Amino acid sequence: MSDLPERPALRNIDAREVNHKGERVFVLSDPLRLSDTVLGVSLLHAVLLEFVDGSHTIPQISQEMKDRHKVDVPTDFIEDFLRKLDDACLLRGGKARAALELWRKEPVRKAACAGGSYPGEELALRGFLEAQYTRQGGPGAPPDRLADGAPIRALLSPHIDFHRGGHAYAWAWKAMAESCEAELFVVFGTAHQGTDAARFALTRKNYETPLGVVETDQELVDRLFHAYEGPDDLFVGELAHKKEHSIEFQMVELAHLYGKGSDEPRKIRALPILCGSIHDLLPGPRKPSQDGRVRAFQEALAKALEGIAPEKICFVAGVDLAHVGTEFDDPPLSAKKLEKVMAQDKTSLEIITKKQDADLFHADVAEDVDRKICGHSPIHATLEALARTGRKHEGEVLCHDRWYDGQSSVTFCSVVFRATGQGAAARERTK
């Protein structure tokens, strides 16, 4: 008797086609890494996946292959393939459920990108991050702890790989080191693998980094969860935190500035929030702030933050801007077209910093979907949360730059919002 589900269904998996010794091979893997197993399968196996949708039994899959593709596939062949999928945690339930339950019991979200996107050893990582201040395009010097800038209440920081955009991180986190007294950091991140149909995904796990653990404010998570009156399960997409880098990179920066061994150790805590897509609201007259699920979450967040002094809270968003070119299924990107993309970014950044209108930013993105703004949802969430504080802020673009290889480009920025209604006009530095 098989222990496989009666009607097996695939999880959301990564699948790509490669040429191996002249043959088409399909490589299957779990983007959330419940298992690190990577399966290489034939075209026949890949076709079978069409029917692993939760509505077919194994005999029905065999019959579908015969009826639709004129291929006789024995049920034991299908069962053997499904068992391999299950062992790789690529099927819903089964081994994937057991792995998920085991992961959920772990109190710490382990660093997923250490040793790859950034050094995994403490001293090497500190040196790596310090070097970003003086690399080409960076601010030119480490933080000046005696700087007298208006206090920062929100920050847009990149989530592009440090090797490509580390100078932009340096602009953002230098400003934070100089002008932020917060102890609670509400960190919004792009959920690249989605949040299982929910708008937002919470976790109670602390975030581990090579520079120490950034503690999640579990009491605040619970307050937010209980205040939420919308239809979503705010933990259904928690697994997305496991491998997502958009928040991890911000936690590394927080540990660098305020953790043990930093120049200014500070007892901080975080509220990590992954933001799912709001592209279903694009285009159209309905504003995201009027969407019941978005509104319910923002109302719950504001309620959860009640009683905490505003100067002790900082909103952080790990975001990138445009993704265009061959790497993103577009035609090759010319330098001239990239100039246009950067100009379109500037329009978005004007809305973000000057108008600070979340829905107006959303409308701007809706008019230009070709840019594929990766930080769309977290930027909207940050602007909405900032507006709900009821206080005035001055937005400033510290850095706006791009990575470009002649075919594809990712644009990114560093933006701060300061708690002031005064001060000089914002300085914009465009690389």
Protein backbone atom coordinates (compact mmCIF):
# COMPACT_ATOMS: atom_id res chain seq x y z
CA MET A 1 0.00 0.00 0.00
CA SER A 2 1.43 3.37 -1.03
CA ASP A 3 1.83 6.07 1.62
CA LEU A 4 1.56 8.75 -1.06
CA PRO A 5 -1.47 11.07 -1.11
CA GLU A 6 -4.39 9.62 -3.03
CA ARG A 7 -4.41 12.70 -5.27
CA PRO A 8 -0.84 14.06 -5.19
CA ALA A 9 -0.20 17.75 -5.75
CA LEU A 10 2.97 19.65 -6.46
CA ARG A 11 4.14 22.45 -4.21
CA ASN A 12 5.35 25.68 -5.80
CA ILE A 13 8.63 24.46 -7.28
CA ASP A 14 11.45 25.75 -9.45
CA ALA A 15 11.71 24.02 -12.82
CA ARG A 16 14.19 24.82 -15.55
CA GLU A 17 15.20 23.12 -18.76
CA VAL A 18 18.84 22.37 -19.53
CA ASN A 19 20.67 20.59 -22.31
CA HIS A 20 22.62 17.59 -21.03
CA LYS A 21 24.69 15.74 -23.60
CA GLY A 22 22.25 16.73 -26.33
CA GLU A 23 19.15 15.71 -24.37
CA ARG A 24 16.46 17.88 -22.78
CA VAL A 25 16.61 17.55 -19.02
CA PHE A 26 14.38 19.33 -16.53
CA VAL A 27 15.84 20.34 -13.18
CA LEU A 28 13.36 20.45 -10.29
CA SER A 29 14.02 21.99 -6.87
CA ASP A 30 12.30 23.59 -3.89
CA PRO A 31 12.81 27.38 -3.87
CA LEU A 32 12.14 27.46 -0.12
CA ARG A 33 14.64 24.66 0.54
CA LEU A 34 12.65 22.37 2.78
CA SER A 35 14.93 19.96 0.99
CA ASP A 36 18.18 20.73 -0.83
CA THR A 37 17.62 17.80 -3.19
CA VAL A 38 17.71 18.73 -6.88
CA LEU A 39 16.07 16.32 -9.31
CA GLY A 40 17.03 15.96 -12.96
CA VAL A 41 14.17 14.40 -14.90
CA SER A 42 13.30 13.49 -18.46
CA LEU A 43 10.76 15.11 -20.76
CA LEU A 44 8.33 12.28 -19.97
CA HIS A 45 8.56 13.04 -16.26
CA ALA A 46 8.09 16.74 -16.94
CA VAL A 47 4.91 16.04 -18.91
CA LEU A 48 3.60 13.91 -16.02
CA LEU A 49 3.82 16.95 -13.75
CA GLU A 50 0.89 18.48 -15.61
CA PHE A 51 -1.40 16.03 -13.84
CA VAL A 52 0.17 16.17 -10.37
CA ASP A 53 -2.33 18.87 -9.47
CA GLY A 54 -4.29 17.42 -6.57
CA SER A 55 -7.22 16.31 -8.70
CA HIS A 56 -5.86 13.08 -10.22
CA THR A 57 -5.19 9.68 -8.69
CA ILE A 58 -2.22 7.66 -9.95
CA PRO A 59 -4.41 5.51 -12.27
CA GLN A 60 -6.03 8.70 -13.58
CA ILE A 61 -2.62 10.21 -14.32
CA SER A 62 -1.76 7.09 -16.29
CA GLN A 63 -5.03 7.36 -18.21
CA GLU A 64 -4.52 11.09 -18.92
CA MET A 65 -1.10 10.37 -20.38
CA LYS A 66 -2.63 7.78 -22.67
CA ASP A 67 -5.62 9.91 -23.69
CA ARG A 68 -3.84 13.23 -24.16
CA HIS A 69 -0.31 12.27 -25.11
CA LYS A 70 -0.77 8.76 -26.55
CA VAL A 71 1.83 7.34 -24.17
CA ASP A 72 1.38 4.24 -22.01
CA VAL A 73 2.89 4.98 -18.62
CA PRO A 74 2.58 2.19 -16.03
CA THR A 75 1.24 3.18 -12.62
CA ASP A 76 4.34 1.78 -10.88
CA PHE A 77 6.50 4.12 -12.99
CA ILE A 78 4.34 7.07 -11.91
CA GLU A 79 4.40 5.97 -8.27
CA ASP A 80 8.18 5.69 -8.30
CA PHE A 81 8.45 9.23 -9.73
CA LEU A 82 6.01 10.60 -7.17
CA ARG A 83 8.00 9.00 -4.37
CA LYS A 84 11.13 10.80 -5.58
CA LEU A 85 9.18 14.06 -5.65
CA ASP A 86 7.98 13.40 -2.12
CA ASP A 87 11.49 12.60 -0.88
CA ALA A 88 12.62 15.96 -2.31
CA CYS A 89 9.73 17.71 -0.48
CA LEU A 90 8.22 18.77 -3.79
CA LEU A 91 4.76 17.33 -3.08
CA ARG A 92 2.20 18.85 -0.75
CA GLY A 93 1.88 16.95 2.50
CA GLY A 94 4.06 13.92 3.16
CA LYS A 95 7.77 14.64 3.62
CA ALA A 96 7.22 18.35 2.99
CA ARG A 97 4.73 18.63 5.85
CA ALA A 98 7.09 16.81 8.22
CA ALA A 99 10.01 19.06 7.21
CA LEU A 100 7.86 22.16 7.64
CA GLU A 101 6.72 21.11 11.11
CA LEU A 102 10.33 20.50 12.09
CA TRP A 103 11.37 23.93 10.77
CA ARG A 104 8.55 25.67 12.59
CA LYS A 105 9.80 24.27 15.89
CA GLU A 106 13.18 25.95 15.44
CA PRO A 107 13.32 29.22 17.41
CA VAL A 108 15.86 30.81 15.07
CA ARG A 109 15.69 31.53 11.38
CA LYS A 110 19.19 30.55 10.29
CA ALA A 111 21.22 32.78 7.98
CA ALA A 112 20.49 31.51 4.48
CA CYS A 113 22.88 33.64 2.43
CA ALA A 114 25.99 33.64 4.67
CA GLY A 115 29.04 32.36 2.86
CA GLY A 116 27.52 33.19 -0.52
CA SER A 117 26.07 36.68 -0.79
CA TYR A 118 28.26 37.88 2.06
CA PRO A 119 31.04 36.42 4.27
CA GLY A 120 29.87 33.88 6.81
CA GLU A 121 32.56 34.61 9.42
CA GLU A 122 32.20 37.53 11.85
CA LEU A 123 35.48 39.39 11.31
CA ALA A 124 35.39 38.93 7.55
CA LEU A 125 31.81 40.18 7.42
CA ARG A 126 32.60 43.27 9.49
CA GLY A 127 35.46 44.11 7.18
CA PHE A 128 33.30 43.47 4.13
CA LEU A 129 30.54 45.82 5.34
CA GLU A 130 33.00 48.52 6.42
CA ALA A 131 34.56 48.43 2.95
CA GLN A 132 31.22 49.34 1.36
CA TYR A 133 31.48 52.89 2.75
CA THR A 134 34.56 53.68 0.69
CA ARG A 135 33.96 51.62 -2.44
CA GLN A 136 33.18 53.41 -5.70
CA GLY A 137 29.79 55.11 -5.52
CA GLY A 138 29.62 54.90 -1.74
CA PRO A 139 29.45 57.77 0.76
CA GLY A 140 33.24 57.90 1.07
CA ALA A 141 33.59 57.47 4.81
CA PRO A 142 32.23 55.43 7.73
CA PRO A 143 29.42 56.86 9.88
CA ASP A 144 30.14 60.04 11.81
CA ARG A 145 28.61 59.35 15.21
CA LEU A 146 28.64 63.09 15.95
CA ALA A 147 26.60 63.99 12.86
CA ASP A 148 23.59 66.15 13.61
CA GLY A 149 20.86 65.07 11.24
CA ALA A 150 17.13 65.02 11.86
CA PRO A 151 16.11 61.59 13.22
CA ILE A 152 15.26 58.90 10.69
CA ARG A 153 11.86 57.25 11.01
CA ALA A 154 11.90 55.09 7.87
CA LEU A 155 14.42 53.73 5.40
CA LEU A 156 14.34 52.14 1.97
CA SER A 157 17.43 49.96 1.60
CA PRO A 158 18.33 47.73 -1.37
CA HIS A 159 18.09 43.97 -1.33
CA ILE A 160 20.28 43.46 -4.39
CA ASP A 161 23.40 41.36 -3.81
CA PHE A 162 26.01 43.28 -1.79
CA HIS A 163 28.64 42.71 -4.48
CA ARG A 164 26.49 44.63 -6.96
CA GLY A 165 24.90 47.26 -4.75
CA GLY A 166 26.90 47.40 -1.53
CA HIS A 167 27.65 51.11 -2.00
CA ALA A 168 23.92 51.87 -1.91
CA TYR A 169 23.53 49.92 1.34
CA ALA A 170 26.40 52.03 2.71
CA TRP A 171 24.54 55.27 2.01
CA ALA A 172 21.43 53.97 3.77
CA TRP A 173 23.04 52.45 6.84
CA LYS A 174 25.58 55.23 7.33
CA ALA A 175 22.63 57.61 7.66
CA MET A 176 20.95 55.20 10.09
CA ALA A 177 24.09 54.98 12.23
CA GLU A 178 24.26 58.77 12.41
CA SER A 179 20.60 59.69 12.88
CA CYS A 180 18.39 56.93 14.26
CA GLU A 181 17.59 56.30 17.91
CA ALA A 182 15.04 53.54 17.28
CA GLU A 183 14.99 50.32 19.27
CA LEU A 184 12.21 48.61 17.29
CA PHE A 185 12.69 48.03 13.57
CA VAL A 186 9.63 47.04 11.55
CA VAL A 187 11.26 45.37 8.54
CA PHE A 188 9.21 44.91 5.37
CA GLY A 189 10.66 42.64 2.71
CA THR A 190 9.76 41.46 -0.78
CA ALA A 191 8.54 37.86 -0.72
CA HIS A 192 10.10 36.68 -3.97
CA GLN A 193 8.53 33.23 -3.65
CA GLY A 194 5.17 34.59 -2.51
CA THR A 195 3.31 34.24 0.78
CA ASP A 196 0.92 31.41 -0.10
CA ALA A 197 -1.90 33.75 -1.19
CA ALA A 198 -1.77 35.95 1.94
CA ARG A 199 -0.87 39.63 1.59
CA PHE A 200 1.66 39.46 4.44
CA ALA A 201 3.61 36.74 6.25
CA LEU A 202 4.75 36.94 9.86
CA THR A 203 7.20 34.85 11.85
CA ARG A 204 8.07 34.64 15.53
CA LYS A 205 11.58 33.40 14.76
CA ASN A 206 14.67 35.39 15.66
CA TYR A 207 17.00 36.13 12.74
CA GLU A 208 20.48 34.67 12.99
CA THR A 209 23.43 36.48 11.38
CA PRO A 210 27.21 35.93 11.60
CA LEU A 211 27.26 39.10 13.74
CA GLY A 212 24.75 37.76 16.25
CA VAL A 213 21.02 37.15 16.51
CA VAL A 214 18.53 39.93 15.85
CA GLU A 215 15.63 39.18 18.16
CA THR A 216 12.07 39.27 16.87
CA ASP A 217 9.65 40.99 19.23
CA GLN A 218 7.38 38.00 19.73
CA GLU A 219 4.98 39.89 22.01
CA LEU A 220 4.52 42.47 19.27
CA VAL A 221 3.97 39.72 16.68
CA ASP A 222 1.22 38.32 18.89
CA ARG A 223 -0.35 41.76 19.37
CA LEU A 224 -0.41 42.27 15.62
CA PHE A 225 -1.79 38.80 15.00
CA HIS A 226 -4.63 39.25 17.49
CA ALA A 227 -5.44 42.77 16.28
CA TYR A 228 -5.78 41.63 12.66
CA GLU A 229 -9.41 41.32 11.56
CA GLY A 230 -8.86 40.43 7.91
CA PRO A 231 -9.41 37.08 6.15
CA ASP A 232 -5.76 36.02 5.75
CA ASP A 233 -3.81 33.59 7.89
CA LEU A 234 -0.77 35.73 8.71
CA PHE A 235 1.38 32.64 9.31
CA VAL A 236 0.36 30.58 6.28
CA GLY A 237 3.28 32.05 4.34
CA GLU A 238 5.80 31.86 7.19
CA LEU A 239 7.97 29.38 5.29
CA ALA A 240 8.81 32.17 2.84
CA HIS A 241 11.06 33.64 5.54
CA LYS A 242 13.32 30.56 5.42
CA LYS A 243 15.37 31.49 2.35
CA GLU A 244 14.22 35.04 1.58
CA HIS A 245 17.14 37.47 1.36
CA SER A 246 15.23 40.78 1.26
CA ILE A 247 14.85 40.85 5.06
CA GLU A 248 18.01 38.88 5.84
CA PHE A 249 20.27 41.55 4.33
CA GLN A 250 18.63 44.24 6.48
CA MET A 251 19.09 42.08 9.60
CA VAL A 252 22.79 41.77 8.79
CA GLU A 253 23.03 45.56 8.64
CA LEU A 254 21.12 45.94 11.92
CA ALA A 255 23.44 43.47 13.65
CA HIS A 256 26.43 45.32 12.22
CA LEU A 257 25.28 48.69 13.57
CA TYR A 258 23.78 47.70 16.91
CA GLY A 259 24.81 44.15 17.78
CA LYS A 260 27.48 42.93 20.14
CA GLY A 261 30.87 44.09 18.94
CA SER A 262 29.49 47.10 17.08
CA ASP A 263 30.57 50.69 17.71
CA GLU A 264 27.26 51.46 19.39
CA PRO A 265 25.71 48.31 20.91
CA ARG A 266 21.99 48.77 21.48
CA LYS A 267 19.24 46.48 22.66
CA ILE A 268 17.10 46.28 19.55
CA ARG A 269 14.26 44.08 18.41
CA ALA A 270 12.64 43.54 15.05
CA LEU A 271 9.27 42.83 13.50
CA PRO A 272 9.99 41.02 10.21
CA ILE A 273 7.13 41.17 7.71
CA LEU A 274 7.25 39.65 4.24
CA CYS A 275 4.99 41.36 1.72
CA GLY A 276 3.18 39.33 -0.90
CA SER A 277 2.21 40.65 -4.28
CA ILE A 278 -0.41 43.35 -4.76
CA HIS A 279 -0.20 43.02 -8.55
CA ASP A 280 -3.76 41.71 -8.61
CA LEU A 281 -4.69 45.34 -7.91
CA LEU A 282 -2.85 46.40 -11.09
CA PRO A 283 -4.23 48.08 -13.10
CA GLY A 284 -7.61 49.29 -11.95
CA PRO A 285 -9.47 51.89 -9.96
CA ARG A 286 -9.23 50.04 -6.66
CA LYS A 287 -6.50 51.48 -4.44
CA PRO A 288 -4.42 49.07 -2.34
CA SER A 289 -5.20 51.07 0.81
CA GLN A 290 -8.87 50.29 0.14
CA ASP A 291 -8.22 46.58 -0.28
CA GLY A 292 -9.73 44.87 2.76
CA ARG A 293 -6.71 42.68 3.43
CA VAL A 294 -4.15 45.50 3.12
CA ARG A 295 -6.27 47.87 5.21
CA ALA A 296 -6.89 45.27 7.91
CA PHE A 297 -3.18 44.55 8.20
CA GLN A 298 -2.15 48.21 8.39
CA GLU A 299 -4.83 48.91 10.99
CA ALA A 300 -3.63 45.95 13.06
CA LEU A 301 -0.01 47.09 12.75
CA ALA A 302 -0.88 50.60 13.89
CA LYS A 303 -2.82 49.18 16.82
CA ALA A 304 0.03 46.85 17.78
CA LEU A 305 2.46 49.79 17.82
CA GLU A 306 0.29 51.91 20.09
CA GLY A 307 2.07 52.86 23.28
CA ILE A 308 5.55 52.70 21.76
CA ALA A 309 7.22 56.11 21.48
CA PRO A 310 7.48 57.13 17.78
CA GLU A 311 11.17 57.95 18.11
CA LYS A 312 11.78 54.35 19.18
CA ILE A 313 10.27 52.92 15.96
CA CYS A 314 11.85 52.80 12.52
CA PHE A 315 10.29 51.26 9.42
CA VAL A 316 12.78 49.55 7.10
CA ALA A 317 12.01 48.18 3.64
CA GLY A 318 14.36 45.85 1.76
CA VAL A 319 13.54 46.78 -1.85
CA ASP A 320 14.88 47.04 -5.36
CA LEU A 321 13.35 48.94 -8.25
CA ALA A 322 13.33 47.98 -11.96
CA HIS A 323 14.21 44.52 -13.31
CA VAL A 324 14.58 44.66 -17.08
CA GLY A 325 16.45 42.86 -19.85
CA THR A 326 17.21 39.30 -20.89
CA GLU A 327 17.68 38.00 -17.36
CA PHE A 328 14.03 38.91 -16.73
CA ASP A 329 12.53 37.53 -19.95
CA ASP A 330 12.79 40.82 -21.85
CA PRO A 331 14.69 41.76 -25.02
CA PRO A 332 18.30 42.90 -24.48
CA LEU A 333 18.41 46.24 -22.68
CA SER A 334 20.26 49.03 -24.49
CA ALA A 335 22.08 51.81 -22.65
CA LYS A 336 19.58 54.29 -24.11
CA LYS A 337 16.61 52.30 -22.82
CA LEU A 338 18.29 52.05 -19.43
CA GLU A 339 18.49 55.85 -19.28
CA LYS A 340 14.72 55.92 -19.78
CA VAL A 341 14.24 53.35 -17.01
CA MET A 342 16.34 55.46 -14.64
CA ALA A 343 14.28 58.55 -15.54
CA GLN A 344 11.08 56.62 -14.81
CA ASP A 345 12.60 55.59 -11.48
CA LYS A 346 13.17 59.26 -10.69
CA THR A 347 9.49 59.96 -11.17
CA SER A 348 8.66 57.13 -8.75
CA LEU A 349 11.21 58.41 -6.24
CA GLU A 350 9.68 61.88 -6.40
CA ILE A 351 6.33 60.38 -5.47
CA ILE A 352 7.91 58.32 -2.71
CA THR A 353 9.91 61.14 -1.13
CA LYS A 354 7.89 64.29 -1.86
CA LYS A 355 4.28 63.17 -1.95
CA GLN A 356 4.78 60.11 0.27
CA ASP A 357 1.49 58.77 -1.09
CA ALA A 358 1.34 54.97 -1.13
CA ASP A 359 -1.57 54.71 -3.55
CA LEU A 360 -0.09 57.32 -5.90
CA PHE A 361 3.10 55.26 -6.01
CA HIS A 362 1.00 52.19 -6.78
CA ALA A 363 -0.73 54.05 -9.63
CA ASP A 364 2.67 55.08 -11.01
CA VAL A 365 3.79 51.45 -11.03
CA ALA A 366 0.51 50.45 -12.67
CA GLU A 367 1.23 52.74 -15.60
CA ASP A 368 4.65 51.18 -16.18
CA VAL A 369 4.52 47.46 -15.43
CA ASP A 370 7.46 46.77 -17.80
CA ARG A 371 9.90 47.96 -15.13
CA LYS A 372 8.93 45.06 -12.83
CA ILE A 373 9.39 47.02 -9.60
CA CYS A 374 10.54 44.34 -7.15
CA GLY A 375 9.92 46.53 -4.10
CA HIS A 376 6.38 47.48 -5.09
CA SER A 377 4.55 45.91 -2.16
CA PRO A 378 7.08 46.71 0.64
CA ILE A 379 7.38 50.34 -0.51
CA HIS A 380 3.60 50.67 -0.46
CA ALA A 381 3.48 49.07 2.99
CA THR A 382 6.19 51.40 4.32
CA LEU A 383 4.55 54.56 3.01
CA GLU A 384 1.17 53.45 4.36
CA ALA A 385 2.60 52.61 7.79
CA LEU A 386 4.50 55.90 7.92
CA ALA A 387 1.37 57.87 7.01
CA ARG A 388 -0.57 56.20 9.82
CA THR A 389 1.82 57.68 12.38
CA GLY A 390 0.14 61.03 11.74
CA ARG A 391 3.49 62.85 11.67
CA LYS A 392 5.30 64.79 8.98
CA HIS A 393 8.46 63.42 7.41
CA GLU A 394 11.01 64.70 4.96
CA GLY A 395 12.05 62.18 2.34
CA GLU A 396 15.56 62.17 0.89
CA VAL A 397 17.11 60.09 -1.89
CA LEU A 398 20.64 59.28 -0.80
CA CYS A 399 21.53 57.04 -3.72
CA HIS A 400 19.88 55.92 -6.97
CA ASP A 401 21.95 53.55 -9.07
CA ARG A 402 21.84 50.43 -11.22
CA TRP A 403 23.64 47.20 -11.97
CA TYR A 404 23.99 46.68 -15.74
CA ASP A 405 25.78 43.96 -17.71
CA GLY A 406 24.93 45.22 -21.19
CA GLN A 407 21.88 42.96 -21.49
CA SER A 408 19.98 43.29 -18.21
CA SER A 409 19.71 45.72 -15.34
CA VAL A 410 18.45 46.02 -11.78
CA THR A 411 17.99 49.52 -10.41
CA PHE A 412 17.97 50.30 -6.71
CA CYS A 413 17.98 53.16 -4.23
CA SER A 414 18.59 54.28 -0.67
CA VAL A 415 15.97 56.61 0.77
CA VAL A 416 15.47 58.02 4.27
CA PHE A 417 12.48 59.69 5.88
CA ARG A 418 13.33 62.12 8.66
CA ALA A 419 11.04 63.33 11.41
CA THR A 420 11.09 66.98 10.51
CA GLY A 421 8.96 69.55 8.78
CA GLN A 422 11.97 71.79 8.33
CA GLY A 423 15.46 71.50 6.93
CA ALA A 424 17.16 72.00 3.63
CA ALA A 425 15.82 70.58 0.42
CA ALA A 426 16.61 66.92 -0.04
CA ARG A 427 19.81 66.15 -1.87
CA GLU A 428 19.56 63.62 -4.66
CA ARG A 429 22.65 61.81 -5.81
CA THR A 430 22.17 59.91 -9.05
CA LYS A 431 24.97 57.67 -10.18
